[in-house]
N, C-alpha and C. Protein backbone atom coordinates (compact mmCIF):
# COMPACT_ATOMS: atom_id res chain seq x y z
N MET A 1 -47.58 -19.19 -11.39
CA MET A 1 -46.17 -19.24 -10.93
C MET A 1 -45.25 -19.24 -12.02
N ILE A 2 -44.15 -18.51 -11.88
CA ILE A 2 -43.12 -18.41 -13.01
C ILE A 2 -42.20 -19.53 -12.73
N ALA A 3 -41.88 -20.16 -13.97
CA ALA A 3 -40.91 -21.30 -13.85
C ALA A 3 -39.53 -20.80 -13.63
N SER A 4 -38.83 -21.50 -12.74
CA SER A 4 -37.45 -21.11 -12.46
C SER A 4 -36.50 -21.70 -13.53
N PRO A 5 -35.46 -20.91 -13.90
CA PRO A 5 -34.38 -21.59 -14.78
C PRO A 5 -33.72 -22.52 -14.11
N SER A 6 -33.31 -23.55 -14.88
CA SER A 6 -32.57 -24.62 -14.42
C SER A 6 -31.10 -24.08 -14.04
N HIS A 7 -30.66 -24.70 -12.97
CA HIS A 7 -29.30 -24.35 -12.40
C HIS A 7 -28.28 -25.29 -12.81
N ALA A 8 -28.41 -26.07 -13.85
CA ALA A 8 -27.45 -27.03 -14.22
C ALA A 8 -26.28 -26.31 -14.74
N PRO A 9 -25.12 -26.98 -14.50
CA PRO A 9 -23.82 -26.34 -14.97
C PRO A 9 -23.80 -26.33 -16.50
N ARG A 10 -23.34 -25.19 -16.99
CA ARG A 10 -23.19 -24.99 -18.45
C ARG A 10 -21.86 -25.45 -18.99
N PRO A 11 -21.82 -25.98 -20.11
CA PRO A 11 -20.52 -26.38 -20.75
C PRO A 11 -19.79 -25.03 -21.07
N PRO A 12 -18.34 -25.13 -21.00
CA PRO A 12 -17.58 -24.11 -21.29
C PRO A 12 -17.81 -23.50 -22.68
N THR A 13 -17.82 -22.07 -22.65
CA THR A 13 -18.18 -21.45 -23.94
C THR A 13 -16.84 -20.64 -24.34
N HIS A 14 -16.92 -20.01 -25.42
CA HIS A 14 -15.82 -19.29 -26.03
C HIS A 14 -15.51 -18.16 -25.08
N GLU A 15 -16.67 -17.48 -24.59
CA GLU A 15 -16.57 -16.30 -23.81
C GLU A 15 -15.85 -16.67 -22.42
N MET A 16 -16.18 -17.85 -21.92
CA MET A 16 -15.56 -18.25 -20.64
C MET A 16 -14.04 -18.45 -20.89
N GLU A 17 -13.68 -18.97 -22.01
CA GLU A 17 -12.25 -19.25 -22.41
C GLU A 17 -11.57 -17.87 -22.46
N LEU A 18 -12.23 -16.86 -23.03
CA LEU A 18 -11.60 -15.57 -23.15
C LEU A 18 -11.43 -14.93 -21.73
N VAL A 19 -12.37 -15.19 -20.87
CA VAL A 19 -12.13 -14.53 -19.42
C VAL A 19 -11.04 -15.28 -18.75
N ARG A 20 -10.94 -16.64 -19.03
CA ARG A 20 -9.73 -17.28 -18.37
C ARG A 20 -8.44 -16.82 -18.93
N LEU A 21 -8.39 -16.57 -20.20
CA LEU A 21 -7.12 -16.12 -20.87
C LEU A 21 -6.89 -14.62 -20.65
N SER A 22 -7.79 -13.92 -19.92
CA SER A 22 -7.54 -12.54 -19.76
C SER A 22 -6.43 -12.19 -18.74
N CYS A 23 -6.00 -13.11 -18.12
CA CYS A 23 -4.85 -12.91 -17.17
C CYS A 23 -3.56 -12.87 -17.97
N ASP A 24 -3.55 -13.13 -19.35
CA ASP A 24 -2.37 -13.22 -19.96
C ASP A 24 -1.73 -11.77 -20.09
N CYS A 25 -0.45 -11.70 -19.88
CA CYS A 25 0.30 -10.45 -19.89
C CYS A 25 1.19 -10.47 -21.15
N GLN A 26 0.97 -9.45 -22.00
CA GLN A 26 1.57 -9.36 -23.33
C GLN A 26 2.90 -8.64 -23.32
N ARG A 27 3.19 -7.95 -22.31
CA ARG A 27 4.40 -7.03 -22.27
C ARG A 27 5.58 -7.81 -21.62
N GLU A 28 6.74 -7.45 -22.10
CA GLU A 28 7.92 -7.98 -21.44
C GLU A 28 8.26 -7.15 -20.18
N ASN A 29 8.18 -5.89 -20.21
CA ASN A 29 8.51 -5.07 -19.03
C ASN A 29 7.26 -4.94 -18.26
N HIS A 30 7.13 -5.83 -17.20
CA HIS A 30 5.82 -5.89 -16.36
C HIS A 30 5.69 -4.57 -15.55
N VAL A 31 6.76 -3.90 -15.12
CA VAL A 31 6.59 -2.73 -14.34
C VAL A 31 5.90 -1.69 -15.07
N THR A 32 6.12 -1.42 -16.35
CA THR A 32 5.36 -0.43 -16.97
C THR A 32 3.87 -0.80 -17.38
N ALA A 33 3.61 -2.08 -17.08
CA ALA A 33 2.20 -2.55 -17.34
C ALA A 33 1.30 -1.98 -16.24
N ILE A 34 1.75 -1.77 -15.11
CA ILE A 34 0.90 -1.02 -14.05
C ILE A 34 0.49 0.28 -14.42
N SER A 35 -0.82 0.53 -14.38
CA SER A 35 -1.38 1.73 -14.83
C SER A 35 -0.99 2.94 -13.82
N ARG A 36 -1.28 4.06 -14.25
CA ARG A 36 -0.92 5.32 -13.46
C ARG A 36 -1.79 5.24 -12.20
N LEU A 37 -3.06 4.92 -12.33
CA LEU A 37 -3.98 4.82 -11.26
C LEU A 37 -3.45 3.75 -10.28
N GLY A 38 -2.99 2.62 -10.79
CA GLY A 38 -2.42 1.63 -9.90
C GLY A 38 -1.22 2.24 -9.09
N TRP A 39 -0.41 3.08 -9.61
CA TRP A 39 0.73 3.57 -8.86
C TRP A 39 0.26 4.62 -7.87
N VAL A 40 -0.95 5.28 -8.09
CA VAL A 40 -1.51 6.25 -7.10
C VAL A 40 -2.04 5.40 -5.93
N ARG A 41 -2.81 4.36 -6.29
CA ARG A 41 -3.33 3.55 -5.16
C ARG A 41 -2.23 2.91 -4.34
N LEU A 42 -1.04 2.67 -4.97
CA LEU A 42 0.00 2.04 -4.33
C LEU A 42 0.54 2.89 -2.97
N ALA A 43 0.58 4.23 -3.17
CA ALA A 43 1.06 4.98 -2.23
C ALA A 43 0.08 5.98 -1.48
N LEU A 44 -1.14 5.49 -1.49
CA LEU A 44 -2.26 6.48 -0.92
C LEU A 44 -2.06 6.73 0.54
N GLY A 45 -1.64 5.70 1.29
CA GLY A 45 -1.30 5.99 2.74
C GLY A 45 -0.24 6.73 2.94
N ALA A 46 0.90 6.49 2.18
CA ALA A 46 2.14 7.30 2.27
C ALA A 46 1.79 8.78 1.91
N ALA A 47 1.02 9.00 1.00
CA ALA A 47 0.74 10.40 0.52
C ALA A 47 -0.06 11.08 1.56
N TYR A 48 -1.07 10.44 2.17
CA TYR A 48 -1.81 11.02 3.30
C TYR A 48 -0.92 11.36 4.49
N GLY A 49 0.03 10.41 4.88
CA GLY A 49 0.97 10.57 5.99
C GLY A 49 1.80 11.81 5.76
N THR A 50 2.37 11.79 4.48
CA THR A 50 3.27 12.89 4.08
C THR A 50 2.54 14.24 4.15
N ALA A 51 1.40 14.39 3.61
CA ALA A 51 0.56 15.64 3.65
C ALA A 51 0.25 16.00 5.00
N LYS A 52 -0.19 15.06 5.79
CA LYS A 52 -0.75 15.46 7.25
C LYS A 52 0.50 15.88 7.96
N ALA A 53 1.56 15.16 8.01
CA ALA A 53 2.69 15.55 8.75
C ALA A 53 3.35 16.79 8.30
N GLY A 54 3.31 16.99 6.91
CA GLY A 54 3.92 18.15 6.34
C GLY A 54 3.13 19.44 6.72
N THR A 55 1.92 19.28 6.81
CA THR A 55 1.00 20.39 7.33
C THR A 55 1.44 20.81 8.85
N GLY A 56 1.60 19.70 9.58
CA GLY A 56 2.03 20.08 11.01
C GLY A 56 3.51 20.73 11.04
N ILE A 57 4.35 20.23 10.15
CA ILE A 57 5.78 20.94 10.15
C ILE A 57 5.60 22.29 9.64
N ALA A 58 4.69 22.55 8.70
CA ALA A 58 4.66 23.98 8.17
C ALA A 58 3.97 24.85 9.36
N ALA A 59 3.08 24.31 10.08
CA ALA A 59 2.47 25.21 11.12
C ALA A 59 3.46 25.33 12.19
N MET A 60 4.20 24.44 12.55
CA MET A 60 5.19 24.44 13.70
C MET A 60 6.46 25.39 13.25
N SER A 61 6.81 25.39 11.96
CA SER A 61 7.99 26.17 11.59
C SER A 61 7.80 27.67 11.75
N VAL A 62 6.56 28.11 11.87
CA VAL A 62 6.24 29.50 12.05
C VAL A 62 6.83 29.86 13.43
N MET A 63 6.58 29.06 14.47
CA MET A 63 6.98 29.43 15.89
C MET A 63 8.40 29.06 16.10
N ARG A 64 8.79 27.83 15.59
CA ARG A 64 10.07 27.34 15.87
C ARG A 64 10.88 26.82 14.69
N PRO A 65 11.42 27.70 13.86
CA PRO A 65 12.02 27.39 12.51
C PRO A 65 13.28 26.44 12.78
N GLU A 66 13.85 26.46 13.98
CA GLU A 66 15.08 25.54 14.21
C GLU A 66 14.64 24.09 14.30
N LEU A 67 13.44 23.80 14.47
CA LEU A 67 13.05 22.33 14.70
C LEU A 67 12.60 21.76 13.31
N ILE A 68 12.66 22.38 12.29
CA ILE A 68 12.27 21.84 11.02
C ILE A 68 12.90 20.57 10.62
N MET A 69 14.17 20.49 10.70
CA MET A 69 14.89 19.20 10.27
C MET A 69 14.72 18.09 11.25
N LYS A 70 14.57 18.45 12.52
CA LYS A 70 14.31 17.37 13.47
C LYS A 70 12.81 16.87 13.33
N SER A 71 12.04 17.66 12.78
CA SER A 71 10.57 17.25 12.72
C SER A 71 10.27 16.61 11.38
N ILE A 72 11.21 16.37 10.53
CA ILE A 72 10.99 15.79 9.18
C ILE A 72 10.84 14.27 9.28
N ILE A 73 11.14 13.72 10.38
CA ILE A 73 11.10 12.21 10.63
C ILE A 73 9.83 11.63 10.17
N PRO A 74 8.53 12.29 10.63
CA PRO A 74 7.29 11.52 10.11
C PRO A 74 7.21 11.53 8.70
N VAL A 75 7.67 12.50 8.02
CA VAL A 75 7.51 12.50 6.51
C VAL A 75 8.42 11.41 5.90
N VAL A 76 9.59 11.25 6.40
CA VAL A 76 10.39 10.14 5.87
C VAL A 76 9.77 8.75 6.15
N MET A 77 9.31 8.54 7.34
CA MET A 77 8.64 7.34 7.80
C MET A 77 7.34 7.06 6.88
N ALA A 78 6.68 8.13 6.46
CA ALA A 78 5.49 7.87 5.60
C ALA A 78 6.00 7.52 4.25
N GLY A 79 7.13 7.93 3.82
CA GLY A 79 7.63 7.62 2.54
C GLY A 79 8.13 6.17 2.43
N ILE A 80 8.52 5.57 3.57
CA ILE A 80 8.99 4.29 3.64
C ILE A 80 7.76 3.39 3.41
N ILE A 81 6.60 3.75 3.80
CA ILE A 81 5.43 2.93 3.57
C ILE A 81 5.25 2.63 2.11
N ALA A 82 5.42 3.67 1.28
CA ALA A 82 5.36 3.58 -0.11
C ALA A 82 6.23 2.55 -0.78
N ILE A 83 7.48 2.48 -0.14
CA ILE A 83 8.52 1.59 -0.67
C ILE A 83 7.96 0.17 -0.43
N TYR A 84 7.23 -0.18 0.69
CA TYR A 84 6.82 -1.48 0.96
C TYR A 84 5.92 -1.95 -0.21
N GLY A 85 5.00 -1.01 -0.61
CA GLY A 85 3.99 -1.39 -1.64
C GLY A 85 4.62 -1.50 -2.95
N LEU A 86 5.74 -0.66 -3.21
CA LEU A 86 6.60 -0.78 -4.44
C LEU A 86 7.25 -2.12 -4.60
N VAL A 87 7.73 -2.62 -3.56
CA VAL A 87 8.47 -3.92 -3.44
C VAL A 87 7.62 -5.07 -3.90
N VAL A 88 6.32 -5.04 -3.25
CA VAL A 88 5.39 -6.11 -3.57
C VAL A 88 4.90 -5.97 -4.98
N ALA A 89 4.64 -4.75 -5.52
CA ALA A 89 4.16 -4.62 -6.85
C ALA A 89 5.24 -5.01 -7.88
N VAL A 90 6.48 -4.75 -7.61
CA VAL A 90 7.55 -5.18 -8.53
C VAL A 90 7.66 -6.81 -8.40
N LEU A 91 7.50 -7.38 -7.33
CA LEU A 91 7.53 -8.81 -7.25
C LEU A 91 6.34 -9.50 -8.01
N ILE A 92 5.23 -8.96 -7.78
CA ILE A 92 4.05 -9.50 -8.51
C ILE A 92 4.17 -9.29 -9.98
N ALA A 93 4.51 -8.13 -10.37
CA ALA A 93 4.66 -7.82 -11.84
C ALA A 93 5.71 -8.70 -12.52
N GLY A 94 6.75 -8.99 -11.75
CA GLY A 94 7.83 -9.78 -12.30
C GLY A 94 7.47 -11.29 -12.46
N SER A 95 6.37 -11.76 -11.75
CA SER A 95 6.09 -13.07 -11.78
C SER A 95 4.84 -13.27 -12.73
N LEU A 96 4.29 -12.33 -13.33
CA LEU A 96 3.17 -12.41 -14.20
C LEU A 96 3.59 -13.31 -15.53
N GLY A 97 2.82 -14.17 -15.94
CA GLY A 97 3.24 -15.03 -17.08
C GLY A 97 2.05 -15.16 -18.02
N ARG A 98 2.18 -16.09 -19.05
CA ARG A 98 1.21 -16.32 -19.94
C ARG A 98 0.15 -17.19 -19.26
N ALA A 99 -1.11 -17.26 -19.89
CA ALA A 99 -2.30 -17.90 -19.34
C ALA A 99 -2.10 -19.25 -18.77
N PRO A 100 -1.51 -20.26 -19.58
CA PRO A 100 -1.35 -21.58 -19.02
C PRO A 100 -0.45 -21.64 -17.75
N LYS A 101 0.46 -20.76 -17.59
CA LYS A 101 1.44 -20.81 -16.45
C LYS A 101 0.86 -20.01 -15.36
N TYR A 102 0.04 -19.05 -15.61
CA TYR A 102 -0.52 -18.12 -14.64
C TYR A 102 -1.93 -18.48 -14.39
N ASP A 103 -2.17 -19.23 -13.36
CA ASP A 103 -3.55 -19.77 -13.22
C ASP A 103 -4.30 -18.97 -12.10
N LEU A 104 -5.45 -19.35 -11.94
CA LEU A 104 -6.38 -18.56 -10.99
C LEU A 104 -5.86 -18.48 -9.64
N TYR A 105 -5.32 -19.57 -9.12
CA TYR A 105 -4.72 -19.59 -7.75
C TYR A 105 -3.62 -18.48 -7.58
N ASN A 106 -2.63 -18.52 -8.54
CA ASN A 106 -1.65 -17.46 -8.58
C ASN A 106 -2.26 -16.08 -8.61
N GLY A 107 -3.28 -15.90 -9.40
CA GLY A 107 -3.95 -14.55 -9.46
C GLY A 107 -4.52 -14.11 -8.22
N PHE A 108 -5.30 -15.06 -7.43
CA PHE A 108 -5.92 -14.60 -6.15
C PHE A 108 -4.77 -14.51 -5.03
N THR A 109 -3.73 -15.20 -5.17
CA THR A 109 -2.66 -15.09 -4.21
C THR A 109 -2.01 -13.78 -4.42
N HIS A 110 -1.74 -13.36 -5.62
CA HIS A 110 -1.18 -12.05 -5.85
C HIS A 110 -2.21 -10.98 -5.43
N LEU A 111 -3.42 -11.04 -5.71
CA LEU A 111 -4.33 -10.18 -5.20
C LEU A 111 -4.38 -9.95 -3.69
N GLY A 112 -4.31 -11.18 -2.97
CA GLY A 112 -4.24 -11.10 -1.56
C GLY A 112 -3.06 -10.37 -1.06
N ALA A 113 -1.92 -10.68 -1.65
CA ALA A 113 -0.66 -10.00 -1.36
C ALA A 113 -0.66 -8.56 -1.47
N GLY A 114 -1.16 -8.11 -2.57
CA GLY A 114 -1.46 -6.70 -2.92
C GLY A 114 -2.29 -6.04 -1.90
N LEU A 115 -3.49 -6.61 -1.57
CA LEU A 115 -4.37 -6.05 -0.67
C LEU A 115 -3.85 -6.05 0.76
N ALA A 116 -3.07 -7.05 1.18
CA ALA A 116 -2.41 -7.02 2.57
C ALA A 116 -1.47 -5.85 2.65
N VAL A 117 -0.54 -5.62 1.69
CA VAL A 117 0.35 -4.54 1.76
C VAL A 117 -0.37 -3.31 1.57
N GLY A 118 -1.37 -3.22 0.76
CA GLY A 118 -2.10 -2.04 0.45
C GLY A 118 -2.91 -1.43 1.64
N PHE A 119 -3.74 -2.23 2.23
CA PHE A 119 -4.49 -1.85 3.41
C PHE A 119 -3.73 -1.65 4.67
N SER A 120 -2.67 -2.31 4.80
CA SER A 120 -1.80 -2.07 6.00
C SER A 120 -0.98 -0.76 5.78
N GLY A 121 -0.61 -0.63 4.54
CA GLY A 121 0.11 0.61 4.30
C GLY A 121 -0.78 1.89 4.38
N LEU A 122 -2.06 1.80 4.01
CA LEU A 122 -3.10 2.73 4.14
C LEU A 122 -3.26 3.14 5.62
N ALA A 123 -3.43 2.01 6.37
CA ALA A 123 -3.65 2.29 7.84
C ALA A 123 -2.36 2.90 8.49
N ALA A 124 -1.15 2.37 8.18
CA ALA A 124 -0.04 2.83 8.70
C ALA A 124 0.22 4.33 8.28
N GLY A 125 -0.05 4.71 7.04
CA GLY A 125 0.01 5.99 6.48
C GLY A 125 -0.83 7.02 7.30
N PHE A 126 -2.08 6.57 7.51
CA PHE A 126 -2.95 7.38 8.28
C PHE A 126 -2.45 7.64 9.76
N ALA A 127 -2.05 6.52 10.36
CA ALA A 127 -1.49 6.69 11.70
C ALA A 127 -0.28 7.51 11.79
N ILE A 128 0.59 7.33 10.81
CA ILE A 128 1.90 8.24 10.78
C ILE A 128 1.43 9.67 10.55
N GLY A 129 0.52 9.91 9.60
CA GLY A 129 0.05 11.32 9.44
C GLY A 129 -0.47 12.01 10.61
N ILE A 130 -1.46 11.39 11.21
CA ILE A 130 -2.09 11.95 12.42
C ILE A 130 -1.13 12.11 13.56
N VAL A 131 -0.29 11.07 13.95
CA VAL A 131 0.65 11.12 15.05
C VAL A 131 1.79 12.14 14.73
N GLY A 132 2.14 12.17 13.34
CA GLY A 132 3.19 13.04 13.02
C GLY A 132 2.78 14.59 13.16
N ASP A 133 1.44 14.81 12.61
CA ASP A 133 0.94 16.09 12.83
C ASP A 133 0.89 16.71 14.24
N ALA A 134 0.10 15.87 15.05
CA ALA A 134 0.03 16.25 16.50
C ALA A 134 1.38 16.25 17.24
N GLY A 135 2.22 15.23 16.83
CA GLY A 135 3.60 15.27 17.59
C GLY A 135 4.47 16.30 17.20
N VAL A 136 4.47 16.76 15.97
CA VAL A 136 5.32 17.86 15.60
C VAL A 136 4.88 19.14 16.22
N ARG A 137 3.53 19.41 16.17
CA ARG A 137 3.05 20.62 16.85
C ARG A 137 3.15 20.58 18.35
N GLY A 138 3.09 19.36 18.91
CA GLY A 138 3.35 19.22 20.43
C GLY A 138 4.87 19.47 20.72
N THR A 139 5.64 18.93 19.97
CA THR A 139 7.15 19.12 20.17
C THR A 139 7.63 20.59 20.12
N ALA A 140 6.90 21.34 19.31
CA ALA A 140 7.15 22.76 19.16
C ALA A 140 6.87 23.63 20.53
N GLN A 141 5.91 23.00 21.23
CA GLN A 141 5.59 23.71 22.51
C GLN A 141 6.36 23.00 23.63
N GLN A 142 6.50 21.67 23.58
CA GLN A 142 7.12 20.89 24.70
C GLN A 142 8.10 19.89 24.13
N PRO A 143 9.35 20.23 24.01
CA PRO A 143 10.46 19.38 23.38
C PRO A 143 10.52 17.98 23.87
N ARG A 144 9.98 17.73 25.23
CA ARG A 144 10.05 16.42 25.73
C ARG A 144 9.16 15.41 25.15
N LEU A 145 8.19 15.88 24.23
CA LEU A 145 7.33 14.96 23.58
C LEU A 145 7.88 14.29 22.40
N PHE A 146 9.17 14.72 21.89
CA PHE A 146 9.71 14.19 20.80
C PHE A 146 9.89 12.71 20.87
N VAL A 147 10.45 12.21 21.96
CA VAL A 147 10.84 10.75 22.15
C VAL A 147 9.49 9.94 22.01
N GLY A 148 8.49 10.40 22.75
CA GLY A 148 7.12 9.75 22.69
C GLY A 148 6.45 9.73 21.28
N MET A 149 6.66 10.80 20.53
CA MET A 149 6.24 10.77 19.16
C MET A 149 7.05 9.79 18.31
N ILE A 150 8.34 9.74 18.53
CA ILE A 150 9.09 8.75 17.70
C ILE A 150 8.74 7.31 18.00
N LEU A 151 8.42 7.03 19.27
CA LEU A 151 8.06 5.59 19.65
C LEU A 151 6.69 5.34 19.00
N ILE A 152 5.74 6.18 19.09
CA ILE A 152 4.49 6.03 18.55
C ILE A 152 4.58 5.81 16.98
N LEU A 153 5.43 6.62 16.27
CA LEU A 153 5.67 6.45 14.88
C LEU A 153 6.26 5.07 14.47
N ILE A 154 7.11 4.69 15.40
CA ILE A 154 7.77 3.32 15.12
C ILE A 154 6.63 2.25 15.12
N PHE A 155 5.76 2.31 16.09
CA PHE A 155 4.74 1.31 16.21
C PHE A 155 3.77 1.47 14.95
N ALA A 156 3.55 2.68 14.45
CA ALA A 156 2.71 2.85 13.27
C ALA A 156 3.37 2.24 12.08
N GLU A 157 4.69 2.54 11.93
CA GLU A 157 5.41 1.98 10.93
C GLU A 157 5.41 0.45 10.77
N VAL A 158 5.43 -0.17 11.94
CA VAL A 158 5.45 -1.53 12.06
C VAL A 158 4.11 -2.13 11.47
N LEU A 159 3.03 -1.40 11.58
CA LEU A 159 1.83 -1.90 10.98
C LEU A 159 1.91 -2.11 9.37
N GLY A 160 2.65 -1.22 8.77
CA GLY A 160 2.95 -1.38 7.41
C GLY A 160 3.96 -2.59 7.19
N LEU A 161 4.91 -2.66 8.06
CA LEU A 161 5.71 -3.82 7.95
C LEU A 161 5.13 -5.14 8.02
N TYR A 162 4.08 -5.35 8.89
CA TYR A 162 3.39 -6.55 9.12
C TYR A 162 2.79 -6.84 7.78
N GLY A 163 2.20 -5.83 7.07
CA GLY A 163 1.42 -6.10 5.76
C GLY A 163 2.53 -6.57 4.73
N LEU A 164 3.70 -5.97 4.82
CA LEU A 164 4.75 -6.40 3.89
C LEU A 164 5.23 -7.85 4.04
N ILE A 165 5.28 -8.28 5.37
CA ILE A 165 5.63 -9.65 5.65
C ILE A 165 4.59 -10.61 5.18
N VAL A 166 3.33 -10.26 5.44
CA VAL A 166 2.16 -11.10 4.97
C VAL A 166 2.19 -11.20 3.45
N ALA A 167 2.34 -10.03 2.78
CA ALA A 167 2.45 -9.99 1.29
C ALA A 167 3.43 -10.94 0.68
N ILE A 168 4.61 -10.96 1.35
CA ILE A 168 5.80 -11.70 0.81
C ILE A 168 5.40 -13.11 1.13
N TYR A 169 4.89 -13.37 2.25
CA TYR A 169 4.49 -14.84 2.64
C TYR A 169 3.50 -15.29 1.58
N LEU A 170 2.54 -14.54 1.18
CA LEU A 170 1.51 -14.97 0.23
C LEU A 170 2.14 -15.09 -1.15
N TYR A 171 3.06 -14.18 -1.39
CA TYR A 171 3.72 -14.28 -2.81
C TYR A 171 4.49 -15.55 -3.01
N THR A 172 5.09 -15.90 -1.89
CA THR A 172 5.86 -17.24 -2.10
C THR A 172 5.07 -18.47 -2.12
N LYS A 173 3.84 -18.41 -1.75
CA LYS A 173 3.03 -19.62 -1.79
C LYS A 173 2.76 -20.17 -3.17
């Protein structure tokens, strides 16, 4: 039988101290500290919504070019989703501090705030894109569908707003 290693807690080592201090932010301008990949992840739902609704607008404009400006609403609503994530990212980046002041609790709270607005923005962006694509194509054939499309888009936008509210609540804790 192989002897199992003891599970007694180890005293803190230099490596553990370095991990604890890795939350330290060295830059004064925290907004530029966010990587390019971070900015891409910030607006993933909005990008999908814009692309999907834009595809529907392009297909619809062949049959009914006079409806292009009326059908741009889903693209605008998808862009607003990205603004929600940007607001939370700027709030979090502005509150980053040096290691003694920025503890593990603040780090996990900010992570939760970012995930809340990110996942709700992703879901809202997918919903806006799918509804916008189908709604714009349907409006080209039956103009009475426009009001129903707008109502469904508003409900999809509120999904992202819920995530923003939860993120701001977590940020203020």
